[in-house]
Amino acid sequence: MASLNLEELLDEKDIARLTKRSLASVRRDRLLGRGVPVIRIGGSVRYSPEALRSYLKSCESGGHGGEAW
């Protein structure tokens, strides 16, 4: 695992803003065990930027993946 810079961690409001989803949707996904993987620090929930990138990559569908026809 790459070293993690704690100053780069995102909170749920960052995830909602970056994915253009409501805070309630981000929270619901977390409670249902889906969505971006979380890091729990005490009572706080944080997200690594790399986890967000991986999650978004896994959500891609359709198209031709940027390849030429």
PDB file of N, CA and C in Angstrom:
ATOM      1  N   MET A   1       0.845  -1.177   0.000  1.00  0.00           N
ATOM      2  CA  MET A   1       0.000   0.000   0.000  1.00  0.00           C
ATOM      3  C   MET A   1       0.893   1.243   0.000  1.00  0.00           C
ATOM      4  N   ALA A   2       0.566   2.184  -0.821  1.00  0.00           N
ATOM      5  CA  ALA A   2       1.334   3.433  -0.890  1.00  0.00           C
ATOM      6  C   ALA A   2       1.149   4.210   0.401  1.00  0.00           C
ATOM      7  N   SER A   3       2.127   5.050   0.724  1.00  0.00           N
ATOM      8  CA  SER A   3       1.986   5.846   1.941  1.00  0.00           C
ATOM      9  C   SER A   3       0.808   6.799   1.784  1.00  0.00           C
ATOM     10  N   LEU A   4       0.129   7.020   2.867  1.00  0.00           N
ATOM     11  CA  LEU A   4      -1.088   7.822   2.854  1.00  0.00           C
ATOM     12  C   LEU A   4      -0.821   9.149   3.531  1.00  0.00           C
ATOM     13  N   ASN A   5      -1.044  10.233   2.807  1.00  0.00           N
ATOM     14  CA  ASN A   5      -0.903  11.571   3.380  1.00  0.00           C
ATOM     15  C   ASN A   5      -2.251  11.945   3.985  1.00  0.00           C
ATOM     16  N   LEU A   6      -2.289  12.021   5.310  1.00  0.00           N
ATOM     17  CA  LEU A   6      -3.556  12.288   5.995  1.00  0.00           C
ATOM     18  C   LEU A   6      -4.174  13.617   5.606  1.00  0.00           C
ATOM     19  N   GLU A   7      -3.373  14.561   5.165  1.00  0.00           N
ATOM     20  CA  GLU A   7      -3.900  15.859   4.763  1.00  0.00           C
ATOM     21  C   GLU A   7      -4.663  15.788   3.445  1.00  0.00           C
ATOM     22  N   GLU A   8      -4.490  14.695   2.701  1.00  0.00           N
ATOM     23  CA  GLU A   8      -5.168  14.534   1.417  1.00  0.00           C
ATOM     24  C   GLU A   8      -6.504  13.808   1.541  1.00  0.00           C
ATOM     25  N   LEU A   9      -6.821  13.286   2.721  1.00  0.00           N
ATOM     26  CA  LEU A   9      -8.060  12.539   2.881  1.00  0.00           C
ATOM     27  C   LEU A   9      -9.273  13.432   2.652  1.00  0.00           C
ATOM     28  N   LEU A  10     -10.294  12.843   2.078  1.00  0.00           N
ATOM     29  CA  LEU A  10     -11.529  13.542   1.760  1.00  0.00           C
ATOM     30  C   LEU A  10     -12.595  13.192   2.783  1.00  0.00           C
ATOM     31  N   ASP A  11     -13.523  14.104   3.027  1.00  0.00           N
ATOM     32  CA  ASP A  11     -14.651  13.764   3.896  1.00  0.00           C
ATOM     33  C   ASP A  11     -15.891  13.529   3.027  1.00  0.00           C
ATOM     34  N   GLU A  12     -16.995  13.204   3.673  1.00  0.00           N
ATOM     35  CA  GLU A  12     -18.200  12.853   2.905  1.00  0.00           C
ATOM     36  C   GLU A  12     -18.734  14.029   2.088  1.00  0.00           C
ATOM     37  N   LYS A  13     -18.530  15.238   2.572  1.00  0.00           N
ATOM     38  CA  LYS A  13     -18.967  16.407   1.801  1.00  0.00           C
ATOM     39  C   LYS A  13     -18.136  16.552   0.532  1.00  0.00           C
ATOM     40  N   ASP A  14     -16.833  16.249   0.620  1.00  0.00           N
ATOM     41  CA  ASP A  14     -15.980  16.275  -0.571  1.00  0.00           C
ATOM     42  C   ASP A  14     -16.453  15.240  -1.583  1.00  0.00           C
ATOM     43  N   ILE A  15     -16.768  14.044  -1.102  1.00  0.00           N
ATOM     44  CA  ILE A  15     -17.226  12.969  -1.995  1.00  0.00           C
ATOM     45  C   ILE A  15     -18.534  13.373  -2.676  1.00  0.00           C
ATOM     46  N   ALA A  16     -19.453  13.940  -1.917  1.00  0.00           N
ATOM     47  CA  ALA A  16     -20.731  14.381  -2.494  1.00  0.00           C
ATOM     48  C   ALA A  16     -20.490  15.439  -3.571  1.00  0.00           C
ATOM     49  N   ARG A  17     -19.623  16.387  -3.282  1.00  0.00           N
ATOM     50  CA  ARG A  17     -19.342  17.472  -4.245  1.00  0.00           C
ATOM     51  C   ARG A  17     -18.657  16.916  -5.497  1.00  0.00           C
ATOM     52  N   LEU A  18     -17.651  16.074  -5.309  1.00  0.00           N
ATOM     53  CA  LEU A  18     -16.876  15.566  -6.444  1.00  0.00           C
ATOM     54  C   LEU A  18     -17.669  14.609  -7.329  1.00  0.00           C
ATOM     55  N   THR A  19     -18.620  13.885  -6.741  1.00  0.00           N
ATOM     56  CA  THR A  19     -19.432  12.946  -7.523  1.00  0.00           C
ATOM     57  C   THR A  19     -20.775  13.542  -7.937  1.00  0.00           C
ATOM     58  N   LYS A  20     -21.000  14.810  -7.512  1.00  0.00           N
ATOM     59  CA  LYS A  20     -22.253  15.509  -7.831  1.00  0.00           C
ATOM     60  C   LYS A  20     -23.471  14.712  -7.362  1.00  0.00           C
ATOM     61  N   ARG A  21     -23.371  14.216  -6.131  1.00  0.00           N
ATOM     62  CA  ARG A  21     -24.461  13.479  -5.504  1.00  0.00           C
ATOM     63  C   ARG A  21     -24.798  14.151  -4.185  1.00  0.00           C
ATOM     64  N   SER A  22     -25.945  13.853  -3.662  1.00  0.00           N
ATOM     65  CA  SER A  22     -26.327  14.446  -2.378  1.00  0.00           C
ATOM     66  C   SER A  22     -25.545  13.795  -1.241  1.00  0.00           C
ATOM     67  N   LEU A  23     -25.408  14.527  -0.166  1.00  0.00           N
ATOM     68  CA  LEU A  23     -24.746  14.004   1.023  1.00  0.00           C
ATOM     69  C   LEU A  23     -25.511  12.792   1.546  1.00  0.00           C
ATOM     70  N   ALA A  24     -26.827  12.842   1.480  1.00  0.00           N
ATOM     71  CA  ALA A  24     -27.653  11.714   1.931  1.00  0.00           C
ATOM     72  C   ALA A  24     -27.362  10.453   1.115  1.00  0.00           C
ATOM     73  N   SER A  25     -27.154  10.605  -0.191  1.00  0.00           N
ATOM     74  CA  SER A  25     -26.839   9.450  -1.038  1.00  0.00           C
ATOM     75  C   SER A  25     -25.491   8.846  -0.681  1.00  0.00           C
ATOM     76  N   VAL A  26     -24.514   9.708  -0.421  1.00  0.00           N
ATOM     77  CA  VAL A  26     -23.181   9.225  -0.028  1.00  0.00           C
ATOM     78  C   VAL A  26     -23.288   8.468   1.297  1.00  0.00           C
ATOM     79  N   ARG A  27     -24.027   9.020   2.243  1.00  0.00           N
ATOM     80  CA  ARG A  27     -24.197   8.366   3.541  1.00  0.00           C
ATOM     81  C   ARG A  27     -24.952   7.046   3.413  1.00  0.00           C
ATOM     82  N   ARG A  28     -26.006   7.033   2.607  1.00  0.00           N
ATOM     83  CA  ARG A  28     -26.786   5.811   2.417  1.00  0.00           C
ATOM     84  C   ARG A  28     -25.918   4.710   1.813  1.00  0.00           C
ATOM     85  N   ASP A  29     -25.137   5.056   0.796  1.00  0.00           N
ATOM     86  CA  ASP A  29     -24.251   4.057   0.192  1.00  0.00           C
ATOM     87  C   ASP A  29     -23.275   3.495   1.219  1.00  0.00           C
ATOM     88  N   ARG A  30     -22.718   4.373   2.051  1.00  0.00           N
ATOM     89  CA  ARG A  30     -21.775   3.912   3.074  1.00  0.00           C
ATOM     90  C   ARG A  30     -22.459   2.943   4.035  1.00  0.00           C
ATOM     91  N   LEU A  31     -23.665   3.289   4.493  1.00  0.00           N
ATOM     92  CA  LEU A  31     -24.387   2.433   5.437  1.00  0.00           C
ATOM     93  C   LEU A  31     -24.766   1.089   4.827  1.00  0.00           C
ATOM     94  N   LEU A  32     -24.969   1.067   3.510  1.00  0.00           N
ATOM     95  CA  LEU A  32     -25.324  -0.177   2.823  1.00  0.00           C
ATOM     96  C   LEU A  32     -24.097  -0.954   2.356  1.00  0.00           C
ATOM     97  N   GLY A  33     -22.918  -0.419   2.643  1.00  0.00           N
ATOM     98  CA  GLY A  33     -21.682  -1.123   2.279  1.00  0.00           C
ATOM     99  C   GLY A  33     -21.330  -1.041   0.815  1.00  0.00           C
ATOM    100  N   ARG A  34     -21.817  -0.005   0.134  1.00  0.00           N
ATOM    101  CA  ARG A  34     -21.457   0.174  -1.266  1.00  0.00           C
ATOM    102  C   ARG A  34     -20.888   1.575  -1.436  1.00  0.00           C
ATOM    103  N   GLY A  35     -20.450   1.887  -2.611  1.00  0.00           N
ATOM    104  CA  GLY A  35     -19.862   3.203  -2.819  1.00  0.00           C
ATOM    105  C   GLY A  35     -18.364   3.183  -2.578  1.00  0.00           C
ATOM    106  N   VAL A  36     -17.806   4.348  -2.330  1.00  0.00           N
ATOM    107  CA  VAL A  36     -16.362   4.512  -2.148  1.00  0.00           C
ATOM    108  C   VAL A  36     -15.940   3.883  -0.814  1.00  0.00           C
ATOM    109  N   PRO A  37     -14.900   3.034  -0.816  1.00  0.00           N
ATOM    110  CA  PRO A  37     -14.415   2.460   0.445  1.00  0.00           C
ATOM    111  C   PRO A  37     -13.988   3.559   1.422  1.00  0.00           C
ATOM    112  N   VAL A  38     -14.248   3.337   2.696  1.00  0.00           N
ATOM    113  CA  VAL A  38     -13.988   4.357   3.712  1.00  0.00           C
ATOM    114  C   VAL A  38     -12.803   3.996   4.604  1.00  0.00           C
ATOM    115  N   ILE A  39     -12.274   5.027   5.237  1.00  0.00           N
ATOM    116  CA  ILE A  39     -11.272   4.883   6.291  1.00  0.00           C
ATOM    117  C   ILE A  39     -11.922   5.458   7.536  1.00  0.00           C
ATOM    118  N   ARG A  40     -12.022   4.668   8.577  1.00  0.00           N
ATOM    119  CA  ARG A  40     -12.621   5.143   9.827  1.00  0.00           C
ATOM    120  C   ARG A  40     -11.502   5.515  10.802  1.00  0.00           C
ATOM    121  N   ILE A  41     -11.574   6.728  11.306  1.00  0.00           N
ATOM    122  CA  ILE A  41     -10.615   7.218  12.287  1.00  0.00           C
ATOM    123  C   ILE A  41     -11.439   7.674  13.482  1.00  0.00           C
ATOM    124  N   GLY A  42     -11.506   6.827  14.490  1.00  0.00           N
ATOM    125  CA  GLY A  42     -12.400   7.123  15.606  1.00  0.00           C
ATOM    126  C   GLY A  42     -13.825   7.180  15.082  1.00  0.00           C
ATOM    127  N   GLY A  43     -14.510   8.274  15.347  1.00  0.00           N
ATOM    128  CA  GLY A  43     -15.874   8.447  14.850  1.00  0.00           C
ATOM    129  C   GLY A  43     -15.943   9.121  13.499  1.00  0.00           C
ATOM    130  N   SER A  44     -14.788   9.437  12.920  1.00  0.00           N
ATOM    131  CA  SER A  44     -14.753  10.141  11.632  1.00  0.00           C
ATOM    132  C   SER A  44     -14.654   9.161  10.477  1.00  0.00           C
ATOM    133  N   VAL A  45     -15.248   9.538   9.377  1.00  0.00           N
ATOM    134  CA  VAL A  45     -15.169   8.750   8.145  1.00  0.00           C
ATOM    135  C   VAL A  45     -14.427   9.584   7.125  1.00  0.00           C
ATOM    136  N   ARG A  46     -13.409   9.006   6.525  1.00  0.00           N
ATOM    137  CA  ARG A  46     -12.617   9.692   5.506  1.00  0.00           C
ATOM    138  C   ARG A  46     -12.449   8.764   4.315  1.00  0.00           C
ATOM    139  N   TYR A  47     -12.069   9.366   3.204  1.00  0.00           N
ATOM    140  CA  TYR A  47     -11.894   8.642   1.943  1.00  0.00           C
ATOM    141  C   TYR A  47     -10.545   9.028   1.352  1.00  0.00           C
ATOM    142  N   SER A  48      -9.847   8.054   0.794  1.00  0.00           N
ATOM    143  CA  SER A  48      -8.589   8.393   0.123  1.00  0.00           C
ATOM    144  C   SER A  48      -8.909   8.789  -1.320  1.00  0.00           C
ATOM    145  N   PRO A  49      -8.172   9.747  -1.866  1.00  0.00           N
ATOM    146  CA  PRO A  49      -8.383  10.124  -3.262  1.00  0.00           C
ATOM    147  C   PRO A  49      -8.219   8.929  -4.208  1.00  0.00           C
ATOM    148  N   GLU A  50      -7.291   8.030  -3.888  1.00  0.00           N
ATOM    149  CA  GLU A  50      -7.085   6.856  -4.736  1.00  0.00           C
ATOM    150  C   GLU A  50      -8.297   5.930  -4.706  1.00  0.00           C
ATOM    151  N   ALA A  51      -8.924   5.775  -3.543  1.00  0.00           N
ATOM    152  CA  ALA A  51     -10.137   4.953  -3.444  1.00  0.00           C
ATOM    153  C   ALA A  51     -11.252   5.557  -4.285  1.00  0.00           C
ATOM    154  N   LEU A  52     -11.357   6.879  -4.286  1.00  0.00           N
ATOM    155  CA  LEU A  52     -12.364   7.545  -5.115  1.00  0.00           C
ATOM    156  C   LEU A  52     -12.088   7.303  -6.590  1.00  0.00           C
ATOM    157  N   ARG A  53     -10.814   7.452  -6.998  1.00  0.00           N
ATOM    158  CA  ARG A  53     -10.468   7.204  -8.410  1.00  0.00           C
ATOM    159  C   ARG A  53     -10.806   5.773  -8.823  1.00  0.00           C
ATOM    160  N   SER A  54     -10.457   4.809  -7.986  1.00  0.00           N
ATOM    161  CA  SER A  54     -10.742   3.397  -8.285  1.00  0.00           C
ATOM    162  C   SER A  54     -12.237   3.144  -8.386  1.00  0.00           C
ATOM    163  N   TYR A  55     -12.975   3.720  -7.454  1.00  0.00           N
ATOM    164  CA  TYR A  55     -14.426   3.543  -7.460  1.00  0.00           C
ATOM    165  C   TYR A  55     -15.033   4.112  -8.748  1.00  0.00           C
ATOM    166  N   LEU A  56     -14.633   5.319  -9.111  1.00  0.00           N
ATOM    167  CA  LEU A  56     -15.172   5.937 -10.326  1.00  0.00           C
ATOM    168  C   LEU A  56     -14.804   5.129 -11.556  1.00  0.00           C
ATOM    169  N   LYS A  57     -13.590   4.593 -11.582  1.00  0.00           N
ATOM    170  CA  LYS A  57     -13.157   3.756 -12.710  1.00  0.00           C
ATOM    171  C   LYS A  57     -14.046   2.513 -12.808  1.00  0.00           C
ATOM    172  N   SER A  58     -14.410   1.938 -11.658  1.00  0.00           N
ATOM    173  CA  SER A  58     -15.243   0.734 -11.653  1.00  0.00           C
ATOM    174  C   SER A  58     -16.678   1.029 -12.097  1.00  0.00           C
ATOM    175  N   CYS A  59     -17.074   2.286 -12.053  1.00  0.00           N
ATOM    176  CA  CYS A  59     -18.436   2.673 -12.449  1.00  0.00           C
ATOM    177  C   CYS A  59     -18.564   2.928 -13.945  1.00  0.00           C
ATOM    178  N   GLU A  60     -17.437   2.989 -14.645  1.00  0.00           N
ATOM    179  CA  GLU A  60     -17.486   3.273 -16.081  1.00  0.00           C
ATOM    180  C   GLU A  60     -18.225   2.165 -16.812  1.00  0.00           C
ATOM    181  N   SER A  61     -19.000   2.557 -17.814  1.00  0.00           N
ATOM    182  CA  SER A  61     -19.688   1.569 -18.638  1.00  0.00           C
ATOM    183  C   SER A  61     -19.947   2.158 -20.009  1.00  0.00           C
ATOM    184  N   GLY A  62     -20.214   1.280 -20.941  1.00  0.00           N
ATOM    185  CA  GLY A  62     -20.538   1.717 -22.297  1.00  0.00           C
ATOM    186  C   GLY A  62     -19.355   2.309 -23.020  1.00  0.00           C
ATOM    187  N   GLY A  63     -19.648   2.892 -24.165  1.00  0.00           N
ATOM    188  CA  GLY A  63     -18.580   3.503 -24.951  1.00  0.00           C
ATOM    189  C   GLY A  63     -17.608   2.451 -25.460  1.00  0.00           C
ATOM    190  N   HIS A  64     -16.485   2.941 -25.921  1.00  0.00           N
ATOM    191  CA  HIS A  64     -15.476   2.017 -26.442  1.00  0.00           C
ATOM    192  C   HIS A  64     -14.155   2.199 -25.717  1.00  0.00           C
ATOM    193  N   GLY A  65     -14.202   2.720 -24.504  1.00  0.00           N
ATOM    194  CA  GLY A  65     -13.017   2.809 -23.664  1.00  0.00           C
ATOM    195  C   GLY A  65     -11.946   3.725 -24.212  1.00  0.00           C
ATOM    196  N   GLY A  66     -12.302   4.675 -25.054  1.00  0.00           N
ATOM    197  CA  GLY A  66     -11.328   5.611 -25.584  1.00  0.00           C
ATOM    198  C   GLY A  66     -10.528   5.073 -26.753  1.00  0.00           C
ATOM    199  N   GLU A  67     -10.812   3.824 -27.144  1.00  0.00           N
ATOM    200  CA  GLU A  67     -10.075   3.236 -28.263  1.00  0.00           C
ATOM    201  C   GLU A  67     -10.694   3.676 -29.585  1.00  0.00           C
ATOM    202  N   ALA A  68      -9.869   3.718 -30.600  1.00  0.00           N
ATOM    203  CA  ALA A  68     -10.371   4.090 -31.937  1.00  0.00           C
ATOM    204  C   ALA A  68     -11.256   2.973 -32.471  1.00  0.00           C
ATOM    205  N   TRP A  69     -12.246   3.348 -33.233  1.00  0.00           N
ATOM    206  CA  TRP A  69     -13.151   2.383 -33.834  1.00  0.00           C
ATOM    207  C   TRP A  69     -12.430   1.571 -34.794  1.00  0.00           C
TER     208      TRP A  69
END
